Amino acid sequence: MRFGNRMLSENRPIRRNLDEKKKQLKELRDVLEHMKPQTSLALKNSIRRRISELSTDILSSSQKRTDDSVKTSQHKIYALYAD
């Protein structure tokens, strides 16, 4: 029996902030660098794929952050008139 949407066993992505993503990217690059030559090609390719996904995600989120900061810096001024 399932207890609603609070089960961790469901296939859902884990939400990470930008710092956690950067840390994971660094760790994956270190793992790929220190792999032995006899490591399977499929494992190396899956790590390379995850590195490229994280890189694009970090790049897009950093661009989104700069776009958000530009939007928040532009304030609208409203004048309220009393009759």
Protein backbone atom coordinates (compact mmCIF):
# COMPACT_ATOMS: atom_id res chain seq x y z
CA MET A 1 0.00 0.00 0.00
CA ARG A 2 1.31 3.43 -0.89
CA PHE A 3 1.05 6.39 1.41
CA GLY A 4 0.44 9.12 -1.14
CA ASN A 5 3.23 11.03 -2.86
CA ARG A 6 5.61 10.90 0.09
CA MET A 7 7.27 7.61 -0.80
CA LEU A 8 10.96 7.89 -1.65
CA SER A 9 10.80 4.69 -3.68
CA GLU A 10 9.02 6.43 -6.53
CA ASN A 11 11.06 7.25 -9.58
CA ARG A 12 11.51 10.99 -9.10
CA PRO A 13 14.59 13.13 -9.68
CA ILE A 14 16.42 14.42 -6.63
CA ARG A 15 16.32 18.20 -6.39
CA ARG A 16 19.76 19.76 -5.92
CA ASN A 17 20.81 23.37 -5.62
CA LEU A 18 23.56 24.92 -7.74
CA ASP A 19 26.35 24.34 -5.20
CA GLU A 20 25.48 20.65 -4.85
CA LYS A 21 25.47 20.27 -8.64
CA LYS A 22 28.90 21.90 -8.91
CA LYS A 23 30.24 19.61 -6.19
CA GLN A 24 28.83 16.53 -7.92
CA LEU A 25 30.28 17.65 -11.27
CA LYS A 26 33.74 18.01 -9.69
CA GLU A 27 33.47 14.57 -8.10
CA LEU A 28 32.39 12.93 -11.36
CA ARG A 29 35.30 14.53 -13.23
CA ASP A 30 37.70 13.23 -10.56
CA VAL A 31 36.19 9.74 -10.79
CA LEU A 32 36.52 9.73 -14.58
CA GLU A 33 40.10 10.95 -14.37
CA HIS A 34 41.16 8.27 -11.88
CA MET A 35 39.48 5.30 -13.60
CA LYS A 36 41.66 2.39 -14.50
CA PRO A 37 42.15 1.44 -18.15
CA GLN A 38 40.28 -1.84 -17.72
CA THR A 39 37.09 -0.04 -16.67
CA SER A 40 34.24 -0.82 -19.04
CA LEU A 41 33.49 1.59 -21.85
CA ALA A 42 29.79 1.66 -20.95
CA LEU A 43 30.56 2.92 -17.44
CA LYS A 44 32.91 5.60 -18.78
CA ASN A 45 30.30 6.72 -21.31
CA SER A 46 27.57 6.92 -18.68
CA ILE A 47 29.78 9.10 -16.47
CA ARG A 48 30.66 11.32 -19.45
CA ARG A 49 26.96 11.65 -20.27
CA ARG A 50 26.14 12.63 -16.69
CA ILE A 51 28.99 15.17 -16.72
CA SER A 52 27.64 16.77 -19.89
CA GLU A 53 24.08 16.85 -18.47
CA LEU A 54 25.29 18.50 -15.27
CA SER A 55 27.39 21.01 -17.21
CA THR A 56 24.46 22.12 -19.35
CA ASP A 57 22.19 22.22 -16.31
CA ILE A 58 24.64 24.40 -14.37
CA LEU A 59 25.11 26.68 -17.35
CA SER A 60 21.39 27.09 -17.91
CA SER A 61 20.67 27.70 -14.23
CA SER A 62 23.45 30.29 -13.99
CA GLN A 63 22.05 32.08 -17.05
CA LYS A 64 18.58 31.92 -15.54
CA ARG A 65 19.95 33.43 -12.33
CA THR A 66 21.43 36.40 -14.18
CA ASP A 67 18.16 36.87 -16.08
CA ASP A 68 16.24 36.82 -12.79
CA SER A 69 18.57 39.38 -11.24
CA VAL A 70 18.05 41.70 -14.21
CA LYS A 71 14.28 41.31 -13.92
CA THR A 72 14.24 41.99 -10.20
CA SER A 73 16.42 45.07 -10.55
CA GLN A 74 13.82 46.77 -12.73
CA HIS A 75 11.12 48.12 -10.42
CA LYS A 76 7.86 49.56 -11.58
CA ILE A 77 6.66 52.71 -9.89
CA TYR A 78 2.97 53.16 -9.33
CA ALA A 79 1.38 56.39 -8.25
CA LEU A 80 -1.68 56.22 -6.06
CA TYR A 81 -4.03 59.16 -6.24
CA ALA A 82 -6.68 59.83 -3.66
CA ASP A 83 -9.93 61.43 -4.84
